[in-house]
Amino acid sequence: MKQFKGAVKALGMVIALSLGAHAGLAAAEGYPDKPIRLIVPYPPGGNLDITTRAITTAMARYLKQSIVVENLGGAGGSIGAGNVARSAPDGYTVLSTTIVPLVVNPTLVPGTKVKLGDFDPIGMLAVVPSVLEVNAKNKQGIKDFQGFIAYAKAHPGELAIAHSGTGTTNHIAELLLEQDFGIKINPIPYKGSAPALADMLGNQVDGMVDQLTSSQPQIQNGSLTALAVTSAKRVPSLPNVPTVAELGKPDFEMVTYSALMTPKGTPKEVRQVLNDALAKAVADPEVQKQLANIGSEVVPSTIDQSAQIFAKEEAKLQPLLTSGVLKPENAR
């Protein structure tokens, strides 16, 4: 009798898996047959918005269907992410995101319920390094990274260093610089890179850690001096700017990965259709040129590879999250 029940149970599992696979294939057949709504959980004009629009414009051509990009900012990206998490898992609502809304915000933003586990990955968009920079006419006379560290050590807590918001990768990079080089700065949070950059250019703050996509034009025209980039390797568009890793901390790396995701439960077959279009888009020479011009690099990936990248980034952030360093009251 037990063997019979076991056989029935096993058969039931096989049937369930078969039905699930059939449902997934059925969902993917003819997909997409209507416009796809894509949420960018930040205001227009930022790094993620620019990158998303460049790539999804190409994706739409390969899908032969419109992708309607909607900026839904607020709560550090959590409002837009939450909107997608609550949507039907049918492939017609997609999130463009960094690690921040899904891993950092649950610790930093009270009441945030959305998390990485609420989403299924499609694939990676791009990776963007951050850059430590000062006004070319800064009042401290800082001209290079060594000068920055020396000044910060001689004047602990005096340097006001802007960033684009508490818990962003730029903010985390500042915290890591303090930790790794034994300095004390005064991180100044802004609501995005644009207002921080405006104050930086006006010499109202002493320095800034910003994503290269935002600051590259001002670096290239000589208004800002780039002291170091936070990527593991030098950036092709700034070949003379060293990495932090070269300057004394070989393991230092803090970049911003971005990815496309769908609500949890979206059939993998549907996500594979989107991943195929994404792969074609990031391989498009024109898309690569557009992103290279703003200091961004495409990251070709499978669905599983993108999941692994975000899991690795989450593991990297856990020590900061559990140590209490990344708390609202410590944003200073």
C-alpha atoms as a PDB file:
ATOM      1  CA  MET A   1       0.000   0.000   0.000  1.00  0.00           C
ATOM      2  CA  LYS A   2       2.830   2.371   0.920  1.00  0.00           C
ATOM      3  CA  GLN A   3       4.548   1.621  -2.380  1.00  0.00           C
ATOM      4  CA  PHE A   4       1.293   2.351  -4.227  1.00  0.00           C
ATOM      5  CA  LYS A   5       0.853   5.694  -2.416  1.00  0.00           C
ATOM      6  CA  GLY A   6       4.477   6.555  -3.130  1.00  0.00           C
ATOM      7  CA  ALA A   7       4.025   5.773  -6.787  1.00  0.00           C
ATOM      8  CA  VAL A   8       0.870   7.894  -6.946  1.00  0.00           C
ATOM      9  CA  LYS A   9       2.667  10.788  -5.235  1.00  0.00           C
ATOM     10  CA  ALA A  10       5.609  10.527  -7.627  1.00  0.00           C
ATOM     11  CA  LEU A  11       3.262  10.407 -10.600  1.00  0.00           C
ATOM     12  CA  GLY A  12       1.468  13.477  -9.273  1.00  0.00           C
ATOM     13  CA  MET A  13       4.758  15.372  -9.058  1.00  0.00           C
ATOM     14  CA  VAL A  14       5.663  14.409 -12.614  1.00  0.00           C
ATOM     15  CA  ILE A  15       2.254  15.549 -13.850  1.00  0.00           C
ATOM     16  CA  ALA A  16       2.542  18.831 -11.923  1.00  0.00           C
ATOM     17  CA  LEU A  17       5.983  19.520 -13.369  1.00  0.00           C
ATOM     18  CA  SER A  18       4.743  18.634 -16.830  1.00  0.00           C
ATOM     19  CA  LEU A  19       1.753  20.935 -16.491  1.00  0.00           C
ATOM     20  CA  GLY A  20       3.990  23.719 -15.161  1.00  0.00           C
ATOM     21  CA  ALA A  21       6.367  23.384 -18.092  1.00  0.00           C
ATOM     22  CA  HIS A  22       3.438  23.287 -20.517  1.00  0.00           C
ATOM     23  CA  ALA A  23       1.984  26.425 -18.919  1.00  0.00           C
ATOM     24  CA  GLY A  24       5.326  28.192 -19.258  1.00  0.00           C
ATOM     25  CA  LEU A  25       5.636  27.279 -22.924  1.00  0.00           C
ATOM     26  CA  ALA A  26       2.054  28.350 -23.541  1.00  0.00           C
ATOM     27  CA  ALA A  27       2.709  31.698 -21.861  1.00  0.00           C
ATOM     28  CA  ALA A  28       5.765  32.265 -24.048  1.00  0.00           C
ATOM     29  CA  GLU A  29       3.975  31.366 -27.279  1.00  0.00           C
ATOM     30  CA  GLY A  30       3.120  34.589 -29.059  1.00  0.00           C
ATOM     31  CA  TYR A  31       4.760  36.677 -26.324  1.00  0.00           C
ATOM     32  CA  PRO A  32       4.833  39.643 -26.393  1.00  0.00           C
ATOM     33  CA  ASP A  33       1.557  40.505 -28.106  1.00  0.00           C
ATOM     34  CA  LYS A  34       1.088  43.890 -26.418  1.00  0.00           C
ATOM     35  CA  PRO A  35       3.321  46.721 -25.113  1.00  0.00           C
ATOM     36  CA  ILE A  36       5.611  45.989 -22.167  1.00  0.00           C
ATOM     37  CA  ARG A  37       5.592  48.412 -19.235  1.00  0.00           C
ATOM     38  CA  LEU A  38       9.092  48.952 -17.861  1.00  0.00           C
ATOM     39  CA  ILE A  39       9.613  50.763 -14.562  1.00  0.00           C
ATOM     40  CA  VAL A  40      12.754  52.755 -13.765  1.00  0.00           C
ATOM     41  CA  PRO A  41      12.460  53.438 -10.005  1.00  0.00           C
ATOM     42  CA  TYR A  42      14.329  56.764 -10.177  1.00  0.00           C
ATOM     43  CA  PRO A  43      13.735  60.187 -11.791  1.00  0.00           C
ATOM     44  CA  PRO A  44      14.564  60.777 -15.470  1.00  0.00           C
ATOM     45  CA  GLY A  45      18.075  61.661 -16.575  1.00  0.00           C
ATOM     46  CA  GLY A  46      20.069  59.555 -14.133  1.00  0.00           C
ATOM     47  CA  ASN A  47      22.491  56.741 -14.899  1.00  0.00           C
ATOM     48  CA  LEU A  48      19.902  53.950 -14.731  1.00  0.00           C
ATOM     49  CA  ASP A  49      17.352  55.870 -16.792  1.00  0.00           C
ATOM     50  CA  ILE A  50      19.843  56.683 -19.554  1.00  0.00           C
ATOM     51  CA  THR A  51      21.198  53.117 -19.673  1.00  0.00           C
ATOM     52  CA  THR A  52      17.736  51.551 -19.629  1.00  0.00           C
ATOM     53  CA  ARG A  53      16.377  53.683 -22.452  1.00  0.00           C
ATOM     54  CA  ALA A  54      19.399  53.040 -24.679  1.00  0.00           C
ATOM     55  CA  ILE A  55      19.133  49.267 -24.285  1.00  0.00           C
ATOM     56  CA  THR A  56      15.349  48.858 -24.274  1.00  0.00           C
ATOM     57  CA  THR A  57      14.963  50.947 -27.427  1.00  0.00           C
ATOM     58  CA  ALA A  58      17.023  48.277 -29.179  1.00  0.00           C
ATOM     59  CA  MET A  59      15.200  45.454 -27.366  1.00  0.00           C
ATOM     60  CA  ALA A  60      11.856  46.723 -28.657  1.00  0.00           C
ATOM     61  CA  ARG A  61      13.092  46.386 -32.245  1.00  0.00           C
ATOM     62  CA  TYR A  62      14.022  42.739 -31.702  1.00  0.00           C
ATOM     63  CA  LEU A  63      10.790  41.967 -29.826  1.00  0.00           C
ATOM     64  CA  LYS A  64       8.749  43.780 -32.479  1.00  0.00           C
ATOM     65  CA  GLN A  65       6.759  45.286 -29.636  1.00  0.00           C
ATOM     66  CA  SER A  66       6.801  48.601 -27.749  1.00  0.00           C
ATOM     67  CA  ILE A  67       8.545  48.949 -24.401  1.00  0.00           C
ATOM     68  CA  VAL A  68       7.060  51.879 -22.507  1.00  0.00           C
ATOM     69  CA  VAL A  69       9.554  53.234 -19.965  1.00  0.00           C
ATOM     70  CA  GLU A  70       7.968  54.823 -16.901  1.00  0.00           C
ATOM     71  CA  ASN A  71       9.940  56.669 -14.195  1.00  0.00           C
ATOM     72  CA  LEU A  72       8.437  55.916 -10.800  1.00  0.00           C
ATOM     73  CA  GLY A  73      10.829  57.301  -8.199  1.00  0.00           C
ATOM     74  CA  GLY A  74      10.666  57.622  -4.442  1.00  0.00           C
ATOM     75  CA  ALA A  75      11.999  55.949  -1.272  1.00  0.00           C
ATOM     76  CA  GLY A  76      15.368  55.251  -2.863  1.00  0.00           C
ATOM     77  CA  GLY A  77      13.826  53.147  -5.628  1.00  0.00           C
ATOM     78  CA  SER A  78      11.559  51.092  -3.369  1.00  0.00           C
ATOM     79  CA  ILE A  79       8.288  52.602  -4.613  1.00  0.00           C
ATOM     80  CA  GLY A  80       8.910  51.636  -8.229  1.00  0.00           C
ATOM     81  CA  ALA A  81      10.288  48.230  -7.247  1.00  0.00           C
ATOM     82  CA  GLY A  82       7.251  47.565  -5.074  1.00  0.00           C
ATOM     83  CA  ASN A  83       4.931  48.489  -7.921  1.00  0.00           C
ATOM     84  CA  VAL A  84       6.531  45.837 -10.130  1.00  0.00           C
ATOM     85  CA  ALA A  85       6.618  43.220  -7.353  1.00  0.00           C
ATOM     86  CA  ARG A  86       2.837  43.535  -6.980  1.00  0.00           C
ATOM     87  CA  SER A  87       2.182  43.245 -10.716  1.00  0.00           C
ATOM     88  CA  ALA A  88       1.059  40.128 -12.550  1.00  0.00           C
ATOM     89  CA  PRO A  89       3.988  37.772 -13.287  1.00  0.00           C
ATOM     90  CA  ASP A  90       3.229  37.626 -16.995  1.00  0.00           C
ATOM     91  CA  GLY A  91       6.213  39.418 -18.522  1.00  0.00           C
ATOM     92  CA  TYR A  92       4.322  42.629 -19.274  1.00  0.00           C
ATOM     93  CA  THR A  93       5.685  44.550 -16.266  1.00  0.00           C
ATOM     94  CA  VAL A  94       9.469  44.730 -15.945  1.00  0.00           C
ATOM     95  CA  LEU A  95      11.788  46.450 -13.451  1.00  0.00           C
ATOM     96  CA  SER A  96      15.113  48.049 -14.318  1.00  0.00           C
ATOM     97  CA  THR A  97      17.097  48.177 -11.118  1.00  0.00           C
ATOM     98  CA  THR A  98      20.366  48.233  -9.219  1.00  0.00           C
ATOM     99  CA  ILE A  99      21.063  46.277  -6.033  1.00  0.00           C
ATOM    100  CA  VAL A 100      20.054  49.231  -3.834  1.00  0.00           C
ATOM    101  CA  PRO A 101      16.226  48.991  -3.792  1.00  0.00           C
ATOM    102  CA  LEU A 102      16.304  45.221  -3.343  1.00  0.00           C
ATOM    103  CA  VAL A 103      19.095  44.682  -0.813  1.00  0.00           C
ATOM    104  CA  VAL A 104      20.137  47.961   0.825  1.00  0.00           C
ATOM    105  CA  ASN A 105      16.750  49.644   1.276  1.00  0.00           C
ATOM    106  CA  PRO A 106      15.199  46.871   3.376  1.00  0.00           C
ATOM    107  CA  THR A 107      17.791  47.819   6.002  1.00  0.00           C
ATOM    108  CA  LEU A 108      17.841  51.583   5.473  1.00  0.00           C
ATOM    109  CA  VAL A 109      14.266  52.542   4.640  1.00  0.00           C
ATOM    110  CA  PRO A 110      11.745  51.882   7.448  1.00  0.00           C
ATOM    111  CA  GLY A 111       8.709  49.944   6.257  1.00  0.00           C
ATOM    112  CA  THR A 112      10.359  48.690   3.074  1.00  0.00           C
ATOM    113  CA  LYS A 113       9.020  45.229   2.356  1.00  0.00           C
ATOM    114  CA  VAL A 114      10.183  44.619  -1.201  1.00  0.00           C
ATOM    115  CA  LYS A 115      13.357  42.524  -1.480  1.00  0.00           C
ATOM    116  CA  LEU A 116      15.520  40.664  -3.982  1.00  0.00           C
ATOM    117  CA  GLY A 117      13.554  37.445  -3.476  1.00  0.00           C
ATOM    118  CA  ASP A 118      10.397  39.118  -4.801  1.00  0.00           C
ATOM    119  CA  PHE A 119      11.787  39.106  -8.348  1.00  0.00           C
ATOM    120  CA  ASP A 120      12.948  36.748 -11.071  1.00  0.00           C
ATOM    121  CA  PRO A 121      15.916  37.876 -13.192  1.00  0.00           C
ATOM    122  CA  ILE A 122      15.930  38.522 -16.921  1.00  0.00           C
ATOM    123  CA  GLY A 123      19.535  39.605 -17.421  1.00  0.00           C
ATOM    124  CA  MET A 124      22.137  42.263 -16.760  1.00  0.00           C
ATOM    125  CA  LEU A 125      22.109  45.672 -18.427  1.00  0.00           C
ATOM    126  CA  ALA A 126      25.416  47.355 -17.668  1.00  0.00           C
ATOM    127  CA  VAL A 127      28.054  48.141 -15.091  1.00  0.00           C
ATOM    128  CA  VAL A 128      29.134  51.669 -14.206  1.00  0.00           C
ATOM    129  CA  PRO A 129      32.128  52.623 -12.057  1.00  0.00           C
ATOM    130  CA  SER A 130      32.076  55.525  -9.655  1.00  0.00           C
ATOM    131  CA  VAL A 131      34.712  58.226  -9.570  1.00  0.00           C
ATOM    132  CA  LEU A 132      36.169  60.217  -6.678  1.00  0.00           C
ATOM    133  CA  GLU A 133      36.485  63.796  -7.887  1.00  0.00           C
ATOM    134  CA  VAL A 134      37.088  67.365  -6.792  1.00  0.00           C
ATOM    135  CA  ASN A 135      36.471  70.725  -8.370  1.00  0.00           C
ATOM    136  CA  ALA A 136      39.489  71.561 -10.532  1.00  0.00           C
ATOM    137  CA  LYS A 137      39.700  74.845  -8.576  1.00  0.00           C
ATOM    138  CA  ASN A 138      39.112  73.341  -5.113  1.00  0.00           C
ATOM    139  CA  LYS A 139      40.143  75.525  -2.196  1.00  0.00           C
ATOM    140  CA  GLN A 140      42.225  72.768  -0.555  1.00  0.00           C
ATOM    141  CA  GLY A 141      44.546  72.515  -3.550  1.00  0.00           C
ATOM    142  CA  ILE A 142      43.948  68.757  -3.918  1.00  0.00           C
ATOM    143  CA  LYS A 143      45.238  67.490  -7.252  1.00  0.00           C
ATOM    144  CA  ASP A 144      45.464  63.712  -6.851  1.00  0.00           C
ATOM    145  CA  PHE A 145      44.301  60.804  -4.695  1.00  0.00           C
ATOM    146  CA  GLN A 146      47.345  60.899  -2.446  1.00  0.00           C
ATOM    147  CA  GLY A 147      46.712  64.574  -1.776  1.00  0.00           C
ATOM    148  CA  PHE A 148      43.096  63.821  -0.943  1.00  0.00           C
ATOM    149  CA  ILE A 149      44.026  61.122   1.592  1.00  0.00           C
ATOM    150  CA  ALA A 150      46.745  63.303   3.139  1.00  0.00           C
ATOM    151  CA  TYR A 151      44.345  66.240   3.561  1.00  0.00           C
ATOM    152  CA  ALA A 152      41.602  64.016   5.005  1.00  0.00           C
ATOM    153  CA  LYS A 153      44.022  62.578   7.573  1.00  0.00           C
ATOM    154  CA  ALA A 154      45.293  66.004   8.538  1.00  0.00           C
ATOM    155  CA  HIS A 155      41.771  67.452   8.779  1.00  0.00           C
ATOM    156  CA  PRO A 156      39.487  64.603  10.013  1.00  0.00           C
ATOM    157  CA  GLY A 157      35.808  65.170   9.335  1.00  0.00           C
ATOM    158  CA  GLU A 158      36.398  68.448   7.508  1.00  0.00           C
ATOM    159  CA  LEU A 159      36.069  67.423   3.860  1.00  0.00           C
ATOM    160  CA  ALA A 160      32.403  67.578   2.762  1.00  0.00           C
ATOM    161  CA  ILE A 161      32.049  64.832   0.155  1.00  0.00           C
ATOM    162  CA  ALA A 162      28.759  64.662  -1.745  1.00  0.00           C
ATOM    163  CA  HIS A 163      26.995  61.529  -2.932  1.00  0.00           C
ATOM    164  CA  SER A 164      23.703  60.763  -4.670  1.00  0.00           C
ATOM    165  CA  GLY A 165      21.812  59.380  -1.669  1.00  0.00           C
ATOM    166  CA  THR A 166      22.086  57.326   1.489  1.00  0.00           C
ATOM    167  CA  GLY A 167      22.708  53.670   0.706  1.00  0.00           C
ATOM    168  CA  THR A 168      23.630  54.213  -2.944  1.00  0.00           C
ATOM    169  CA  THR A 169      26.763  52.596  -4.302  1.00  0.00           C
ATOM    170  CA  ASN A 170      28.385  56.049  -4.291  1.00  0.00           C
ATOM    171  CA  HIS A 171      27.667  56.414  -0.569  1.00  0.00           C
ATOM    172  CA  ILE A 172      28.962  52.902   0.108  1.00  0.00           C
ATOM    173  CA  ALA A 173      32.152  53.697  -1.825  1.00  0.00           C
ATOM    174  CA  GLU A 174      32.725  56.701   0.470  1.00  0.00           C
ATOM    175  CA  LEU A 175      32.263  54.523   3.551  1.00  0.00           C
ATOM    176  CA  LEU A 176      34.722  51.976   2.170  1.00  0.00           C
ATOM    177  CA  LEU A 177      37.281  54.717   1.452  1.00  0.00           C
ATOM    178  CA  GLU A 178      37.010  55.846   5.070  1.00  0.00           C
ATOM    179  CA  GLN A 179      37.331  52.290   6.312  1.00  0.00           C
ATOM    180  CA  ASP A 180      40.163  51.158   4.046  1.00  0.00           C
ATOM    181  CA  PHE A 181      42.330  54.286   4.227  1.00  0.00           C
ATOM    182  CA  GLY A 182      41.747  55.211   7.871  1.00  0.00           C
ATOM    183  CA  ILE A 183      40.270  58.638   7.137  1.00  0.00           C
ATOM    184  CA  LYS A 184      37.253  60.578   8.369  1.00  0.00           C
ATOM    185  CA  ILE A 185      35.211  62.623   5.890  1.00  0.00           C
ATOM    186  CA  ASN A 186      31.796  64.268   6.044  1.00  0.00           C
ATOM    187  CA  PRO A 187      29.506  62.483   3.542  1.00  0.00           C
ATOM    188  CA  ILE A 188      26.731  64.773   2.295  1.00  0.00           C
ATOM    189  CA  PRO A 189      23.644  62.986   0.887  1.00  0.00           C
ATOM    190  CA  TYR A 190      21.691  64.481  -2.009  1.00  0.00           C
ATOM    191  CA  LYS A 191      18.537  63.366  -3.815  1.00  0.00           C
ATOM    192  CA  GLY A 192      20.363  62.216  -6.899  1.00  0.00           C
ATOM    193  CA  SER A 193      23.569  63.026  -8.739  1.00  0.00           C
ATOM    194  CA  ALA A 194      22.335  66.158 -10.528  1.00  0.00           C
ATOM    195  CA  PRO A 195      21.899  68.436  -7.454  1.00  0.00           C
ATOM    196  CA  ALA A 196      25.087  67.089  -5.903  1.00  0.00           C
ATOM    197  CA  LEU A 197      26.994  67.777  -9.099  1.00  0.00           C
ATOM    198  CA  ALA A 198      25.617  71.319  -9.253  1.00  0.00           C
ATOM    199  CA  ASP A 199      26.956  72.066  -5.764  1.00  0.00           C
ATOM    200  CA  MET A 200      30.202  70.361  -6.637  1.00  0.00           C
ATOM    201  CA  LEU A 201      30.697  72.583  -9.671  1.00  0.00           C
ATOM    202  CA  GLY A 202      29.849  75.589  -7.495  1.00  0.00           C
ATOM    203  CA  ASN A 203      32.530  74.590  -4.957  1.00  0.00           C
ATOM    204  CA  GLN A 204      29.868  74.319  -2.232  1.00  0.00           C
ATOM    205  CA  VAL A 205      31.116  70.851  -1.324  1.00  0.00           C
ATOM    206  CA  ASP A 206      34.738  69.719  -1.279  1.00  0.00           C
ATOM    207  CA  GLY A 207      34.463  66.576  -3.350  1.00  0.00           C
ATOM    208  CA  MET A 208      32.111  63.926  -4.617  1.00  0.00           C
ATOM    209  CA  VAL A 209      31.821  60.242  -5.405  1.00  0.00           C
ATOM    210  CA  ASP A 210      29.628  59.994  -8.477  1.00  0.00           C
ATOM    211  CA  GLN A 211      28.799  57.497 -11.167  1.00  0.00           C
ATOM    212  CA  LEU A 212      30.940  58.144 -14.200  1.00  0.00           C
ATOM    213  CA  THR A 213      27.887  58.477 -16.443  1.00  0.00           C
ATOM    214  CA  SER A 214      26.943  61.687 -14.629  1.00  0.00           C
ATOM    215  CA  SER A 215      30.356  63.312 -14.226  1.00  0.00           C
ATOM    216  CA  GLN A 216      32.293  62.323 -17.324  1.00  0.00           C
ATOM    217  CA  PRO A 217      31.394  65.443 -19.379  1.00  0.00           C
ATOM    218  CA  GLN A 218      32.597  67.760 -16.579  1.00  0.00           C
ATOM    219  CA  ILE A 219      35.788  65.722 -16.157  1.00  0.00           C
ATOM    220  CA  GLN A 220      36.487  65.847 -19.864  1.00  0.00           C
ATOM    221  CA  ASN A 221      35.943  69.622 -20.108  1.00  0.00           C
ATOM    222  CA  GLY A 222      38.300  70.225 -17.178  1.00  0.00           C
ATOM    223  CA  SER A 223      35.758  71.481 -14.629  1.00  0.00           C
ATOM    224  CA  LEU A 224      36.336  68.489 -12.365  1.00  0.00           C
ATOM    225  CA  THR A 225      39.487  66.552 -11.530  1.00  0.00           C
ATOM    226  CA  ALA A 226      39.073  62.776 -11.304  1.00  0.00           C
ATOM    227  CA  LEU A 227      41.247  61.379  -8.513  1.00  0.00           C
ATOM    228  CA  ALA A 228      40.434  57.666  -8.808  1.00  0.00           C
ATOM    229  CA  VAL A 229      37.837  55.259 -10.191  1.00  0.00           C
ATOM    230  CA  THR A 230      36.255  52.518  -8.103  1.00  0.00           C
ATOM    231  CA  SER A 231      36.294  49.731 -10.705  1.00  0.00           C
ATOM    232  CA  ALA A 232      38.826  46.880 -10.624  1.00  0.00           C
ATOM    233  CA  LYS A 233      40.351  48.090 -13.901  1.00  0.00           C
ATOM    234  CA  ARG A 234      40.946  51.509 -15.397  1.00  0.00           C
ATOM    235  CA  VAL A 235      38.164  53.017 -17.447  1.00  0.00           C
ATOM    236  CA  PRO A 236      38.928  53.290 -21.195  1.00  0.00           C
ATOM    237  CA  SER A 237      37.488  56.802 -21.405  1.00  0.00           C
ATOM    238  CA  LEU A 238      39.761  57.944 -18.518  1.00  0.00           C
ATOM    239  CA  PRO A 239      42.964  56.003 -19.173  1.00  0.00           C
ATOM    240  CA  ASN A 240      45.141  58.266 -17.005  1.00  0.00           C
ATOM    241  CA  VAL A 241      42.948  58.016 -13.909  1.00  0.00           C
ATOM    242  CA  PRO A 242      44.104  55.232 -11.555  1.00  0.00           C
ATOM    243  CA  THR A 243      41.858  52.788  -9.730  1.00  0.00           C
ATOM    244  CA  VAL A 244      41.580  52.819  -5.948  1.00  0.00           C
ATOM    245  CA  ALA A 245      42.916  49.250  -6.128  1.00  0.00           C
ATOM    246  CA  GLU A 246      46.141  50.543  -7.721  1.00  0.00           C
ATOM    247  CA  LEU A 247      46.521  53.138  -4.998  1.00  0.00           C
ATOM    248  CA  GLY A 248      46.915  50.787  -2.074  1.00  0.00           C
ATOM    249  CA  LYS A 249      43.850  48.545  -1.730  1.00  0.00           C
ATOM    250  CA  PRO A 250      44.090  45.706  -4.293  1.00  0.00           C
ATOM    251  CA  ASP A 251      40.648  44.271  -3.467  1.00  0.00           C
ATOM    252  CA  PHE A 252      38.765  47.580  -3.641  1.00  0.00           C
ATOM    253  CA  GLU A 253      35.869  47.581  -6.079  1.00  0.00           C
ATOM    254  CA  MET A 254      32.485  49.287  -5.894  1.00  0.00           C
ATOM    255  CA  VAL A 255      30.568  49.551  -9.134  1.00  0.00           C
ATOM    256  CA  THR A 256      26.895  49.833 -10.005  1.00  0.00           C
ATOM    257  CA  TYR A 257      25.394  46.817 -11.737  1.00  0.00           C
ATOM    258  CA  SER A 258      21.975  47.188 -13.317  1.00  0.00           C
ATOM    259  CA  ALA A 259      19.593  44.476 -14.416  1.00  0.00           C
ATOM    260  CA  LEU A 260      16.099  43.762 -15.697  1.00  0.00           C
ATOM    261  CA  MET A 261      13.742  41.762 -13.481  1.00  0.00           C
ATOM    262  CA  THR A 262      10.145  40.581 -13.426  1.00  0.00           C
ATOM    263  CA  PRO A 263       7.780  39.793 -10.555  1.00  0.00           C
ATOM    264  CA  LYS A 264       8.408  36.460  -8.835  1.00  0.00           C
ATOM    265  CA  GLY A 265       6.695  33.612 -10.627  1.00  0.00           C
ATOM    266  CA  THR A 266       7.133  34.872 -14.186  1.00  0.00           C
ATOM    267  CA  PRO A 267       7.648  31.769 -16.381  1.00  0.00           C
ATOM    268  CA  LYS A 268      11.277  31.232 -17.326  1.00  0.00           C
ATOM    269  CA  GLU A 269      10.228  30.727 -20.949  1.00  0.00           C
ATOM    270  CA  VAL A 270       8.834  34.273 -20.998  1.00  0.00           C
ATOM    271  CA  ARG A 271      11.955  35.641 -19.346  1.00  0.00           C
ATOM    272  CA  GLN A 272      14.060  33.799 -21.889  1.00  0.00           C
ATOM    273  CA  VAL A 273      12.292  35.671 -24.713  1.00  0.00           C
ATOM    274  CA  LEU A 274      13.258  38.920 -22.978  1.00  0.00           C
ATOM    275  CA  ASN A 275      16.802  37.697 -22.303  1.00  0.00           C
ATOM    276  CA  ASP A 276      17.256  36.817 -25.988  1.00  0.00           C
ATOM    277  CA  ALA A 277      16.194  40.335 -27.001  1.00  0.00           C
ATOM    278  CA  LEU A 278      18.416  41.824 -24.299  1.00  0.00           C
ATOM    279  CA  ALA A 279      21.411  39.815 -25.533  1.00  0.00           C
ATOM    280  CA  LYS A 280      20.890  41.134 -29.063  1.00  0.00           C
ATOM    281  CA  ALA A 281      20.500  44.697 -27.765  1.00  0.00           C
ATOM    282  CA  VAL A 282      23.717  44.739 -25.703  1.00  0.00           C
ATOM    283  CA  ALA A 283      25.596  43.203 -28.649  1.00  0.00           C
ATOM    284  CA  ASP A 284      24.432  46.048 -30.901  1.00  0.00           C
ATOM    285  CA  PRO A 285      27.486  48.214 -31.764  1.00  0.00           C
ATOM    286  CA  GLU A 286      25.392  51.388 -31.652  1.00  0.00           C
ATOM    287  CA  VAL A 287      24.123  50.583 -28.141  1.00  0.00           C
ATOM    288  CA  GLN A 288      27.659  49.790 -26.985  1.00  0.00           C
ATOM    289  CA  LYS A 289      28.875  53.087 -28.424  1.00  0.00           C
ATOM    290  CA  GLN A 290      26.080  55.034 -26.713  1.00  0.00           C
ATOM    291  CA  LEU A 291      26.903  53.516 -23.340  1.00  0.00           C
ATOM    292  CA  ALA A 292      30.678  53.847 -23.765  1.00  0.00           C
ATOM    293  CA  ASN A 293      30.191  57.561 -24.402  1.00  0.00           C
ATOM    294  CA  ILE A 294      28.695  57.929 -20.932  1.00  0.00           C
ATOM    295  CA  GLY A 295      31.187  55.644 -19.169  1.00  0.00           C
ATOM    296  CA  SER A 296      28.942  52.577 -18.991  1.00  0.00           C
ATOM    297  CA  GLU A 297      29.801  49.050 -20.109  1.00  0.00           C
ATOM    298  CA  VAL A 298      27.304  46.386 -21.175  1.00  0.00           C
ATOM    299  CA  VAL A 299      27.229  43.066 -19.304  1.00  0.00           C
ATOM    300  CA  PRO A 300      26.043  40.189 -21.521  1.00  0.00           C
ATOM    301  CA  SER A 301      24.544  37.449 -19.333  1.00  0.00           C
ATOM    302  CA  THR A 302      22.189  34.512 -19.180  1.00  0.00           C
ATOM    303  CA  ILE A 303      19.277  34.477 -16.735  1.00  0.00           C
ATOM    304  CA  ASP A 304      21.250  32.319 -14.302  1.00  0.00           C
ATOM    305  CA  GLN A 305      24.427  34.406 -14.609  1.00  0.00           C
ATOM    306  CA  SER A 306      22.517  37.586 -13.755  1.00  0.00           C
ATOM    307  CA  ALA A 307      21.098  35.894 -10.650  1.00  0.00           C
ATOM    308  CA  GLN A 308      24.630  34.932  -9.611  1.00  0.00           C
ATOM    309  CA  ILE A 309      25.952  38.485 -10.082  1.00  0.00           C
ATOM    310  CA  PHE A 310      23.255  39.997  -7.866  1.00  0.00           C
ATOM    311  CA  ALA A 311      23.746  37.263  -5.253  1.00  0.00           C
ATOM    312  CA  LYS A 312      27.469  38.055  -5.195  1.00  0.00           C
ATOM    313  CA  GLU A 313      26.775  41.781  -4.796  1.00  0.00           C
ATOM    314  CA  GLU A 314      24.333  41.040  -1.962  1.00  0.00           C
ATOM    315  CA  ALA A 315      26.982  38.960  -0.179  1.00  0.00           C
ATOM    316  CA  LYS A 316      29.506  41.784  -0.584  1.00  0.00           C
ATOM    317  CA  LEU A 317      27.153  44.259   1.103  1.00  0.00           C
ATOM    318  CA  GLN A 318      26.139  42.033   4.008  1.00  0.00           C
ATOM    319  CA  PRO A 319      29.074  42.999   6.293  1.00  0.00           C
ATOM    320  CA  LEU A 320      28.176  46.694   5.963  1.00  0.00           C
ATOM    321  CA  LEU A 321      24.476  46.010   6.432  1.00  0.00           C
ATOM    322  CA  THR A 322      24.915  43.825   9.504  1.00  0.00           C
ATOM    323  CA  SER A 323      27.595  46.022  11.092  1.00  0.00           C
ATOM    324  CA  GLY A 324      25.174  48.926  11.418  1.00  0.00           C
ATOM    325  CA  VAL A 325      27.361  51.301   9.409  1.00  0.00           C
ATOM    326  CA  LEU A 326      24.643  51.657   6.783  1.00  0.00           C
ATOM    327  CA  LYS A 327      21.877  53.079   8.922  1.00  0.00           C
ATOM    328  CA  PRO A 328      19.888  56.284   8.318  1.00  0.00           C
ATOM    329  CA  GLU A 329      21.237  57.863  11.483  1.00  0.00           C
ATOM    330  CA  ASN A 330      24.782  57.245  10.254  1.00  0.00           C
ATOM    331  CA  ALA A 331      24.251  58.963   6.922  1.00  0.00           C
ATOM    332  CA  ARG A 332      25.635  62.178   8.417  1.00  0.00           C
END
